[in-house]
């Protein structure tokens, strides 16, 4: 990461969830920065299909220029305050079409 941080290149570093496997494309996941995104069971997981959506979204609309990001299913999609209390930088994403995001 230090090599990237000191370069003059534009980059983003994707750190996938601990458990990434083929599954359903839900379009509902959380984006984090340096901490794992955990679900209600304390697992860090995402389907390969939703991870691909996150990567394409970042390529189309860069938000993590010269930063690392991760994705995963939510501890609770309806408790952003709780996520903030745990020190996470997150955004809830719902994919609603080929190029549209709802925040």
PDB file of N, CA and C in Angstrom:
ATOM      1  N   UNK A   1       0.821  -1.195   0.000  1.00  0.00           N
ATOM      2  CA  UNK A   1       0.000   0.000   0.000  1.00  0.00           C
ATOM      3  C   UNK A   1       0.865   1.260   0.000  1.00  0.00           C
ATOM      4  N   UNK A   2       1.994   1.232   0.674  1.00  0.00           N
ATOM      5  CA  UNK A   2       2.845   2.423   0.715  1.00  0.00           C
ATOM      6  C   UNK A   2       3.370   2.797  -0.657  1.00  0.00           C
ATOM      7  N   UNK A   3       3.665   1.797  -1.475  1.00  0.00           N
ATOM      8  CA  UNK A   3       4.122   2.081  -2.838  1.00  0.00           C
ATOM      9  C   UNK A   3       3.026   2.807  -3.605  1.00  0.00           C
ATOM     10  N   UNK A   4       1.797   2.349  -3.451  1.00  0.00           N
ATOM     11  CA  UNK A   4       0.675   3.007  -4.126  1.00  0.00           C
ATOM     12  C   UNK A   4       0.460   4.415  -3.590  1.00  0.00           C
ATOM     13  N   UNK A   5       0.507   4.565  -2.285  1.00  0.00           N
ATOM     14  CA  UNK A   5       0.246   5.872  -1.676  1.00  0.00           C
ATOM     15  C   UNK A   5       1.256   6.935  -2.101  1.00  0.00           C
ATOM     16  N   UNK A   6       2.480   6.530  -2.359  1.00  0.00           N
ATOM     17  CA  UNK A   6       3.503   7.506  -2.729  1.00  0.00           C
ATOM     18  C   UNK A   6       3.638   7.689  -4.241  1.00  0.00           C
ATOM     19  N   UNK A   7       2.868   6.939  -5.009  1.00  0.00           N
ATOM     20  CA  UNK A   7       2.951   7.067  -6.469  1.00  0.00           C
ATOM     21  C   UNK A   7       2.112   8.247  -6.948  1.00  0.00           C
ATOM     22  N   UNK A   8       2.325   8.641  -8.176  1.00  0.00           N
ATOM     23  CA  UNK A   8       1.518   9.705  -8.768  1.00  0.00           C
ATOM     24  C   UNK A   8       0.389   9.128  -9.623  1.00  0.00           C
ATOM     25  N   UNK A   9       0.101   7.851  -9.475  1.00  0.00           N
ATOM     26  CA  UNK A   9      -0.962   7.178 -10.221  1.00  0.00           C
ATOM     27  C   UNK A   9      -2.290   7.285  -9.473  1.00  0.00           C
ATOM     28  N   UNK A  10      -3.378   7.260 -10.226  1.00  0.00           N
ATOM     29  CA  UNK A  10      -4.704   7.170  -9.620  1.00  0.00           C
ATOM     30  C   UNK A  10      -5.018   5.694  -9.434  1.00  0.00           C
ATOM     31  N   UNK A  11      -5.398   5.306  -8.234  1.00  0.00           N
ATOM     32  CA  UNK A  11      -5.626   3.902  -7.944  1.00  0.00           C
ATOM     33  C   UNK A  11      -6.732   3.767  -6.897  1.00  0.00           C
ATOM     34  N   UNK A  12      -7.273   2.584  -6.828  1.00  0.00           N
ATOM     35  CA  UNK A  12      -8.190   2.178  -5.756  1.00  0.00           C
ATOM     36  C   UNK A  12      -7.831   0.729  -5.451  1.00  0.00           C
ATOM     37  N   UNK A  13      -7.845   0.360  -4.194  1.00  0.00           N
ATOM     38  CA  UNK A  13      -7.465  -0.989  -3.781  1.00  0.00           C
ATOM     39  C   UNK A  13      -8.693  -1.671  -3.191  1.00  0.00           C
ATOM     40  N   UNK A  14      -9.144  -2.743  -3.819  1.00  0.00           N
ATOM     41  CA  UNK A  14     -10.331  -3.469  -3.377  1.00  0.00           C
ATOM     42  C   UNK A  14      -9.915  -4.602  -2.444  1.00  0.00           C
ATOM     43  N   UNK A  15     -10.392  -4.558  -1.212  1.00  0.00           N
ATOM     44  CA  UNK A  15     -10.184  -5.633  -0.239  1.00  0.00           C
ATOM     45  C   UNK A  15     -11.519  -6.352  -0.076  1.00  0.00           C
ATOM     46  N   UNK A  16     -11.671  -7.521  -0.669  1.00  0.00           N
ATOM     47  CA  UNK A  16     -12.972  -8.192  -0.595  1.00  0.00           C
ATOM     48  C   UNK A  16     -13.272  -8.695   0.811  1.00  0.00           C
ATOM     49  N   UNK A  17     -14.512  -9.076   1.024  1.00  0.00           N
ATOM     50  CA  UNK A  17     -14.918  -9.682   2.287  1.00  0.00           C
ATOM     51  C   UNK A  17     -14.130 -10.974   2.508  1.00  0.00           C
ATOM     52  N   UNK A  18     -14.088 -11.435   3.754  1.00  0.00           N
ATOM     53  CA  UNK A  18     -13.374 -12.681   4.047  1.00  0.00           C
ATOM     54  C   UNK A  18     -13.948 -13.857   3.264  1.00  0.00           C
ATOM     55  N   UNK A  19     -15.265 -13.885   3.126  1.00  0.00           N
ATOM     56  CA  UNK A  19     -15.953 -14.973   2.430  1.00  0.00           C
ATOM     57  C   UNK A  19     -16.575 -14.412   1.156  1.00  0.00           C
ATOM     58  N   UNK A  20     -15.958 -14.704   0.032  1.00  0.00           N
ATOM     59  CA  UNK A  20     -16.491 -14.283  -1.262  1.00  0.00           C
ATOM     60  C   UNK A  20     -16.685 -15.547  -2.087  1.00  0.00           C
ATOM     61  N   UNK A  21     -17.930 -15.767  -2.533  1.00  0.00           N
ATOM     62  CA  UNK A  21     -18.260 -17.005  -3.233  1.00  0.00           C
ATOM     63  C   UNK A  21     -19.393 -16.733  -4.213  1.00  0.00           C
ATOM     64  N   UNK A  22     -19.531 -17.594  -5.218  1.00  0.00           N
ATOM     65  CA  UNK A  22     -20.673 -17.450  -6.123  1.00  0.00           C
ATOM     66  C   UNK A  22     -21.980 -17.474  -5.341  1.00  0.00           C
ATOM     67  N   UNK A  23     -22.910 -16.672  -5.789  1.00  0.00           N
ATOM     68  CA  UNK A  23     -24.202 -16.604  -5.107  1.00  0.00           C
ATOM     69  C   UNK A  23     -25.149 -15.704  -5.863  1.00  0.00           C
ATOM     70  N   UNK A  24     -26.070 -15.117  -5.150  1.00  0.00           N
ATOM     71  CA  UNK A  24     -27.094 -14.268  -5.742  1.00  0.00           C
ATOM     72  C   UNK A  24     -26.608 -12.829  -5.858  1.00  0.00           C
ATOM     73  N   UNK A  25     -26.976 -12.183  -6.928  1.00  0.00           N
ATOM     74  CA  UNK A  25     -26.728 -10.746  -7.069  1.00  0.00           C
ATOM     75  C   UNK A  25     -27.902 -10.018  -6.440  1.00  0.00           C
ATOM     76  N   UNK A  26     -27.679  -9.446  -5.265  1.00  0.00           N
ATOM     77  CA  UNK A  26     -28.752  -8.768  -4.547  1.00  0.00           C
ATOM     78  C   UNK A  26     -28.776  -7.278  -4.830  1.00  0.00           C
ATOM     79  N   UNK A  27     -27.590  -6.706  -5.104  1.00  0.00           N
ATOM     80  CA  UNK A  27     -27.505  -5.266  -5.292  1.00  0.00           C
ATOM     81  C   UNK A  27     -27.567  -4.490  -3.987  1.00  0.00           C
ATOM     82  N   UNK A  28     -27.618  -5.192  -2.860  1.00  0.00           N
ATOM     83  CA  UNK A  28     -27.684  -4.534  -1.541  1.00  0.00           C
ATOM     84  C   UNK A  28     -26.477  -4.972  -0.722  1.00  0.00           C
ATOM     85  N   UNK A  29     -25.574  -4.022  -0.515  1.00  0.00           N
ATOM     86  CA  UNK A  29     -24.373  -4.305   0.259  1.00  0.00           C
ATOM     87  C   UNK A  29     -23.870  -2.990   0.832  1.00  0.00           C
ATOM     88  N   UNK A  30     -22.957  -3.086   1.753  1.00  0.00           N
ATOM     89  CA  UNK A  30     -22.351  -1.892   2.336  1.00  0.00           C
ATOM     90  C   UNK A  30     -20.930  -1.764   1.835  1.00  0.00           C
ATOM     91  N   UNK A  31     -20.512  -0.533   1.724  1.00  0.00           N
ATOM     92  CA  UNK A  31     -19.149  -0.229   1.339  1.00  0.00           C
ATOM     93  C   UNK A  31     -18.441   0.315   2.565  1.00  0.00           C
ATOM     94  N   UNK A  32     -17.237  -0.192   2.825  1.00  0.00           N
ATOM     95  CA  UNK A  32     -16.439   0.293   3.940  1.00  0.00           C
ATOM     96  C   UNK A  32     -15.062   0.686   3.460  1.00  0.00           C
ATOM     97  N   UNK A  33     -14.252   1.145   4.394  1.00  0.00           N
ATOM     98  CA  UNK A  33     -12.897   1.546   4.008  1.00  0.00           C
ATOM     99  C   UNK A  33     -11.875   0.554   4.551  1.00  0.00           C
ATOM    100  N   UNK A  34     -11.406   0.732   5.762  1.00  0.00           N
ATOM    101  CA  UNK A  34     -10.321  -0.096   6.280  1.00  0.00           C
ATOM    102  C   UNK A  34     -10.753  -1.212   7.224  1.00  0.00           C
ATOM    103  N   UNK A  35     -12.026  -1.320   7.517  1.00  0.00           N
ATOM    104  CA  UNK A  35     -12.523  -2.357   8.425  1.00  0.00           C
ATOM    105  C   UNK A  35     -13.455  -3.301   7.674  1.00  0.00           C
ATOM    106  N   UNK A  36     -13.455  -4.562   8.074  1.00  0.00           N
ATOM    107  CA  UNK A  36     -14.381  -5.518   7.466  1.00  0.00           C
ATOM    108  C   UNK A  36     -15.814  -5.083   7.687  1.00  0.00           C
ATOM    109  N   UNK A  37     -16.657  -5.311   6.706  1.00  0.00           N
ATOM    110  CA  UNK A  37     -18.091  -5.085   6.843  1.00  0.00           C
ATOM    111  C   UNK A  37     -18.692  -6.411   7.286  1.00  0.00           C
ATOM    112  N   UNK A  38     -19.394  -6.397   8.419  1.00  0.00           N
ATOM    113  CA  UNK A  38     -19.931  -7.624   9.007  1.00  0.00           C
ATOM    114  C   UNK A  38     -21.440  -7.681   8.889  1.00  0.00           C
ATOM    115  N   UNK A  39     -21.968  -8.901   8.756  1.00  0.00           N
ATOM    116  CA  UNK A  39     -23.419  -9.077   8.758  1.00  0.00           C
ATOM    117  C   UNK A  39     -23.898  -9.292  10.196  1.00  0.00           C
ATOM    118  N   UNK A  40     -25.183  -9.554  10.370  1.00  0.00           N
ATOM    119  CA  UNK A  40     -25.766  -9.712  11.702  1.00  0.00           C
ATOM    120  C   UNK A  40     -25.152 -10.878  12.476  1.00  0.00           C
ATOM    121  N   UNK A  41     -24.606 -11.857  11.783  1.00  0.00           N
ATOM    122  CA  UNK A  41     -23.971 -12.993  12.435  1.00  0.00           C
ATOM    123  C   UNK A  41     -22.484 -12.789  12.692  1.00  0.00           C
ATOM    124  N   UNK A  42     -21.977 -11.588  12.416  1.00  0.00           N
ATOM    125  CA  UNK A  42     -20.570 -11.297  12.631  1.00  0.00           C
ATOM    126  C   UNK A  42     -19.658 -11.823  11.535  1.00  0.00           C
ATOM    127  N   UNK A  43     -20.243 -12.201  10.393  1.00  0.00           N
ATOM    128  CA  UNK A  43     -19.451 -12.733   9.271  1.00  0.00           C
ATOM    129  C   UNK A  43     -19.171 -11.632   8.255  1.00  0.00           C
ATOM    130  N   UNK A  44     -18.021 -11.718   7.636  1.00  0.00           N
ATOM    131  CA  UNK A  44     -17.650 -10.823   6.549  1.00  0.00           C
ATOM    132  C   UNK A  44     -17.843 -11.611   5.270  1.00  0.00           C
ATOM    133  N   UNK A  45     -18.919 -11.299   4.527  1.00  0.00           N
ATOM    134  CA  UNK A  45     -19.221 -12.109   3.350  1.00  0.00           C
ATOM    135  C   UNK A  45     -19.902 -11.266   2.280  1.00  0.00           C
ATOM    136  N   UNK A  46     -19.746 -11.727   1.034  1.00  0.00           N
ATOM    137  CA  UNK A  46     -20.422 -11.124  -0.114  1.00  0.00           C
ATOM    138  C   UNK A  46     -20.396 -12.128  -1.255  1.00  0.00           C
ATOM    139  N   UNK A  47     -21.390 -12.058  -2.113  1.00  0.00           N
ATOM    140  CA  UNK A  47     -21.378 -12.930  -3.292  1.00  0.00           C
ATOM    141  C   UNK A  47     -20.412 -12.353  -4.322  1.00  0.00           C
ATOM    142  N   UNK A  48     -19.875 -13.213  -5.149  1.00  0.00           N
ATOM    143  CA  UNK A  48     -18.984 -12.760  -6.221  1.00  0.00           C
ATOM    144  C   UNK A  48     -19.729 -11.796  -7.142  1.00  0.00           C
ATOM    145  N   UNK A  49     -21.008 -12.027  -7.327  1.00  0.00           N
ATOM    146  CA  UNK A  49     -21.813 -11.180  -8.202  1.00  0.00           C
ATOM    147  C   UNK A  49     -21.926  -9.760  -7.637  1.00  0.00           C
ATOM    148  N   UNK A  50     -22.191  -9.626  -6.319  1.00  0.00           N
ATOM    149  CA  UNK A  50     -22.273  -8.296  -5.719  1.00  0.00           C
ATOM    150  C   UNK A  50     -20.898  -7.637  -5.638  1.00  0.00           C
ATOM    151  N   UNK A  51     -19.849  -8.405  -5.429  1.00  0.00           N
ATOM    152  CA  UNK A  51     -18.494  -7.841  -5.443  1.00  0.00           C
ATOM    153  C   UNK A  51     -18.193  -7.267  -6.829  1.00  0.00           C
ATOM    154  N   UNK A  52     -18.609  -7.969  -7.874  1.00  0.00           N
ATOM    155  CA  UNK A  52     -18.400  -7.482  -9.240  1.00  0.00           C
ATOM    156  C   UNK A  52     -19.148  -6.174  -9.468  1.00  0.00           C
ATOM    157  N   UNK A  53     -20.374  -6.075  -8.955  1.00  0.00           N
ATOM    158  CA  UNK A  53     -21.151  -4.834  -9.076  1.00  0.00           C
ATOM    159  C   UNK A  53     -20.391  -3.689  -8.410  1.00  0.00           C
ATOM    160  N   UNK A  54     -19.847  -3.930  -7.218  1.00  0.00           N
ATOM    161  CA  UNK A  54     -19.103  -2.894  -6.498  1.00  0.00           C
ATOM    162  C   UNK A  54     -17.878  -2.440  -7.291  1.00  0.00           C
ATOM    163  N   UNK A  55     -17.173  -3.390  -7.894  1.00  0.00           N
ATOM    164  CA  UNK A  55     -15.987  -3.040  -8.684  1.00  0.00           C
ATOM    165  C   UNK A  55     -16.355  -2.238  -9.926  1.00  0.00           C
ATOM    166  N   UNK A  56     -17.404  -2.640 -10.615  1.00  0.00           N
ATOM    167  CA  UNK A  56     -17.844  -1.903 -11.806  1.00  0.00           C
ATOM    168  C   UNK A  56     -18.313  -0.509 -11.411  1.00  0.00           C
ATOM    169  N   UNK A  57     -19.055  -0.413 -10.299  1.00  0.00           N
ATOM    170  CA  UNK A  57     -19.496   0.900  -9.829  1.00  0.00           C
ATOM    171  C   UNK A  57     -18.303   1.815  -9.562  1.00  0.00           C
ATOM    172  N   UNK A  58     -17.265   1.278  -8.932  1.00  0.00           N
ATOM    173  CA  UNK A  58     -16.068   2.084  -8.645  1.00  0.00           C
ATOM    174  C   UNK A  58     -15.369   2.499  -9.936  1.00  0.00           C
ATOM    175  N   UNK A  59     -15.329   1.627 -10.918  1.00  0.00           N
ATOM    176  CA  UNK A  59     -14.705   1.969 -12.200  1.00  0.00           C
ATOM    177  C   UNK A  59     -15.501   3.051 -12.935  1.00  0.00           C
ATOM    178  N   UNK A  60     -16.837   2.973 -12.860  1.00  0.00           N
ATOM    179  CA  UNK A  60     -17.690   3.936 -13.551  1.00  0.00           C
ATOM    180  C   UNK A  60     -17.775   5.269 -12.824  1.00  0.00           C
ATOM    181  N   UNK A  61     -17.795   5.231 -11.495  1.00  0.00           N
ATOM    182  CA  UNK A  61     -17.955   6.442 -10.685  1.00  0.00           C
ATOM    183  C   UNK A  61     -16.982   6.354  -9.508  1.00  0.00           C
ATOM    184  N   UNK A  62     -15.717   6.709  -9.742  1.00  0.00           N
ATOM    185  CA  UNK A  62     -14.696   6.548  -8.696  1.00  0.00           C
ATOM    186  C   UNK A  62     -15.007   7.369  -7.443  1.00  0.00           C
ATOM    187  N   UNK A  63     -15.011   6.679  -6.312  1.00  0.00           N
ATOM    188  CA  UNK A  63     -15.214   7.329  -5.008  1.00  0.00           C
ATOM    189  C   UNK A  63     -14.028   7.087  -4.087  1.00  0.00           C
ATOM    190  N   UNK A  64     -13.203   6.118  -4.410  1.00  0.00           N
ATOM    191  CA  UNK A  64     -12.102   5.731  -3.539  1.00  0.00           C
ATOM    192  C   UNK A  64     -10.758   5.949  -4.237  1.00  0.00           C
ATOM    193  N   UNK A  65     -10.569   7.149  -4.743  1.00  0.00           N
ATOM    194  CA  UNK A  65      -9.330   7.470  -5.442  1.00  0.00           C
ATOM    195  C   UNK A  65      -8.191   7.518  -4.423  1.00  0.00           C
ATOM    196  N   UNK A  66      -7.186   6.710  -4.680  1.00  0.00           N
ATOM    197  CA  UNK A  66      -6.014   6.571  -3.831  1.00  0.00           C
ATOM    198  C   UNK A  66      -6.381   6.139  -2.409  1.00  0.00           C
ATOM    199  N   UNK A  67      -7.361   5.235  -2.322  1.00  0.00           N
ATOM    200  CA  UNK A  67      -7.790   4.668  -1.038  1.00  0.00           C
ATOM    201  C   UNK A  67      -8.197   3.223  -1.225  1.00  0.00           C
ATOM    202  N   UNK A  68      -8.229   2.512  -0.127  1.00  0.00           N
ATOM    203  CA  UNK A  68      -8.700   1.126  -0.108  1.00  0.00           C
ATOM    204  C   UNK A  68     -10.188   1.131   0.228  1.00  0.00           C
ATOM    205  N   UNK A  69     -10.914   0.133  -0.320  1.00  0.00           N
ATOM    206  CA  UNK A  69     -12.316  -0.034   0.052  1.00  0.00           C
ATOM    207  C   UNK A  69     -12.667  -1.508   0.088  1.00  0.00           C
ATOM    208  N   UNK A  70     -13.746  -1.807   0.774  1.00  0.00           N
ATOM    209  CA  UNK A  70     -14.235  -3.168   0.894  1.00  0.00           C
ATOM    210  C   UNK A  70     -15.747  -3.156   0.779  1.00  0.00           C
ATOM    211  N   UNK A  71     -16.327  -4.308   0.578  1.00  0.00           N
ATOM    212  CA  UNK A  71     -17.786  -4.440   0.530  1.00  0.00           C
ATOM    213  C   UNK A  71     -18.180  -5.680   1.313  1.00  0.00           C
ATOM    214  N   UNK A  72     -19.423  -5.692   1.763  1.00  0.00           N
ATOM    215  CA  UNK A  72     -19.946  -6.847   2.464  1.00  0.00           C
ATOM    216  C   UNK A  72     -21.413  -6.644   2.773  1.00  0.00           C
ATOM    217  N   UNK A  73     -22.034  -7.702   3.214  1.00  0.00           N
ATOM    218  CA  UNK A  73     -23.431  -7.596   3.610  1.00  0.00           C
ATOM    219  C   UNK A  73     -23.504  -6.979   4.985  1.00  0.00           C
ATOM    220  N   UNK A  74     -24.575  -6.314   5.236  1.00  0.00           N
ATOM    221  CA  UNK A  74     -24.702  -5.410   6.356  1.00  0.00           C
ATOM    222  C   UNK A  74     -24.924  -6.073   7.702  1.00  0.00           C
ATOM    223  N   UNK A  75     -24.352  -5.442   8.744  1.00  0.00           N
ATOM    224  CA  UNK A  75     -24.721  -5.745  10.119  1.00  0.00           C
ATOM    225  C   UNK A  75     -26.202  -5.424  10.268  1.00  0.00           C
ATOM    226  N   UNK A  76     -26.588  -4.277   9.799  1.00  0.00           N
ATOM    227  CA  UNK A  76     -27.984  -3.873   9.730  1.00  0.00           C
ATOM    228  C   UNK A  76     -28.080  -2.724   8.744  1.00  0.00           C
ATOM    229  N   UNK A  77     -28.791  -2.929   7.676  1.00  0.00           N
ATOM    230  CA  UNK A  77     -28.941  -1.871   6.683  1.00  0.00           C
ATOM    231  C   UNK A  77     -29.729  -0.695   7.218  1.00  0.00           C
ATOM    232  N   UNK A  78     -30.381  -0.866   8.358  1.00  0.00           N
ATOM    233  CA  UNK A  78     -31.251   0.173   8.879  1.00  0.00           C
ATOM    234  C   UNK A  78     -30.704   0.843  10.130  1.00  0.00           C
ATOM    235  N   UNK A  79     -29.448   0.578  10.495  1.00  0.00           N
ATOM    236  CA  UNK A  79     -28.850   1.196  11.672  1.00  0.00           C
ATOM    237  C   UNK A  79     -27.498   1.821  11.354  1.00  0.00           C
ATOM    238  N   UNK A  80     -27.470   2.888  10.511  1.00  0.00           N
ATOM    239  CA  UNK A  80     -26.190   3.499  10.176  1.00  0.00           C
ATOM    240  C   UNK A  80     -25.503   4.117  11.387  1.00  0.00           C
ATOM    241  N   UNK A  81     -26.265   4.525  12.403  1.00  0.00           N
ATOM    242  CA  UNK A  81     -25.660   5.093  13.605  1.00  0.00           C
ATOM    243  C   UNK A  81     -24.833   4.041  14.317  1.00  0.00           C
ATOM    244  N   UNK A  82     -25.366   2.816  14.415  1.00  0.00           N
ATOM    245  CA  UNK A  82     -24.632   1.726  15.041  1.00  0.00           C
ATOM    246  C   UNK A  82     -23.325   1.478  14.293  1.00  0.00           C
ATOM    247  N   UNK A  83     -23.383   1.458  12.988  1.00  0.00           N
ATOM    248  CA  UNK A  83     -22.169   1.243  12.204  1.00  0.00           C
ATOM    249  C   UNK A  83     -21.170   2.357  12.466  1.00  0.00           C
ATOM    250  N   UNK A  84     -21.649   3.599  12.553  1.00  0.00           N
ATOM    251  CA  UNK A  84     -20.764   4.721  12.840  1.00  0.00           C
ATOM    252  C   UNK A  84     -20.142   4.614  14.213  1.00  0.00           C
ATOM    253  N   UNK A  85     -20.906   4.122  15.206  1.00  0.00           N
ATOM    254  CA  UNK A  85     -20.379   3.956  16.553  1.00  0.00           C
ATOM    255  C   UNK A  85     -19.260   2.932  16.602  1.00  0.00           C
ATOM    256  N   UNK A  86     -19.237   2.010  15.641  1.00  0.00           N
ATOM    257  CA  UNK A  86     -18.207   0.982  15.628  1.00  0.00           C
ATOM    258  C   UNK A  86     -16.965   1.447  14.882  1.00  0.00           C
ATOM    259  N   UNK A  87     -16.951   2.709  14.425  1.00  0.00           N
ATOM    260  CA  UNK A  87     -15.768   3.261  13.779  1.00  0.00           C
ATOM    261  C   UNK A  87     -15.646   2.939  12.302  1.00  0.00           C
ATOM    262  N   UNK A  88     -16.735   2.563  11.660  1.00  0.00           N
ATOM    263  CA  UNK A  88     -16.678   2.216  10.247  1.00  0.00           C
ATOM    264  C   UNK A  88     -17.050   3.421   9.408  1.00  0.00           C
ATOM    265  N   UNK A  89     -16.454   3.504   8.262  1.00  0.00           N
ATOM    266  CA  UNK A  89     -16.854   4.471   7.266  1.00  0.00           C
ATOM    267  C   UNK A  89     -17.620   3.688   6.215  1.00  0.00           C
ATOM    268  N   UNK A  90     -18.936   3.845   6.179  1.00  0.00           N
ATOM    269  CA  UNK A  90     -19.741   2.993   5.311  1.00  0.00           C
ATOM    270  C   UNK A  90     -20.760   3.800   4.520  1.00  0.00           C
ATOM    271  N   UNK A  91     -21.247   3.187   3.477  1.00  0.00           N
ATOM    272  CA  UNK A  91     -22.364   3.708   2.705  1.00  0.00           C
ATOM    273  C   UNK A  91     -23.224   2.523   2.314  1.00  0.00           C
ATOM    274  N   UNK A  92     -24.524   2.674   2.414  1.00  0.00           N
ATOM    275  CA  UNK A  92     -25.437   1.622   1.976  1.00  0.00           C
ATOM    276  C   UNK A  92     -25.724   1.844   0.508  1.00  0.00           C
ATOM    277  N   UNK A  93     -25.587   0.801  -0.286  1.00  0.00           N
ATOM    278  CA  UNK A  93     -25.749   0.913  -1.731  1.00  0.00           C
ATOM    279  C   UNK A  93     -26.847  -0.022  -2.181  1.00  0.00           C
ATOM    280  N   UNK A  94     -27.728   0.488  -3.001  1.00  0.00           N
ATOM    281  CA  UNK A  94     -28.735  -0.338  -3.657  1.00  0.00           C
ATOM    282  C   UNK A  94     -28.576  -0.138  -5.147  1.00  0.00           C
ATOM    283  N   UNK A  95     -28.324  -1.181  -5.857  1.00  0.00           N
ATOM    284  CA  UNK A  95     -28.134  -1.096  -7.304  1.00  0.00           C
ATOM    285  C   UNK A  95     -29.508  -1.132  -7.955  1.00  0.00           C
ATOM    286  N   UNK A  96     -29.864  -0.103  -8.722  1.00  0.00           N
ATOM    287  CA  UNK A  96     -31.195  -0.018  -9.315  1.00  0.00           C
ATOM    288  C   UNK A  96     -31.165   0.063 -10.827  1.00  0.00           C
ATOM    289  N   UNK A  97     -30.179  -0.467 -11.444  1.00  0.00           N
ATOM    290  CA  UNK A  97     -30.114  -0.405 -12.895  1.00  0.00           C
ATOM    291  C   UNK A  97     -28.684  -0.422 -13.356  1.00  0.00           C
ATOM    292  N   UNK A  98     -28.470  -0.341 -14.651  1.00  0.00           N
ATOM    293  CA  UNK A  98     -27.123  -0.483 -15.179  1.00  0.00           C
ATOM    294  C   UNK A  98     -26.114   0.523 -14.623  1.00  0.00           C
ATOM    295  N   UNK A  99     -26.532   1.763 -14.373  1.00  0.00           N
ATOM    296  CA  UNK A  99     -25.565   2.752 -13.916  1.00  0.00           C
ATOM    297  C   UNK A  99     -26.072   3.642 -12.802  1.00  0.00           C
ATOM    298  N   UNK A 100     -27.199   3.311 -12.178  1.00  0.00           N
ATOM    299  CA  UNK A 100     -27.735   4.206 -11.172  1.00  0.00           C
ATOM    300  C   UNK A 100     -27.524   3.662  -9.769  1.00  0.00           C
ATOM    301  N   UNK A 101     -27.207   4.570  -8.861  1.00  0.00           N
ATOM    302  CA  UNK A 101     -27.021   4.209  -7.461  1.00  0.00           C
ATOM    303  C   UNK A 101     -27.971   5.034  -6.617  1.00  0.00           C
ATOM    304  N   UNK A 102     -28.549   4.439  -5.591  1.00  0.00           N
ATOM    305  CA  UNK A 102     -29.382   5.170  -4.651  1.00  0.00           C
ATOM    306  C   UNK A 102     -28.657   5.195  -3.319  1.00  0.00           C
ATOM    307  N   UNK A 103     -28.466   6.361  -2.781  1.00  0.00           N
ATOM    308  CA  UNK A 103     -27.746   6.491  -1.502  1.00  0.00           C
ATOM    309  C   UNK A 103     -28.714   6.846  -0.405  1.00  0.00           C
TER     310      UNK A 103
END
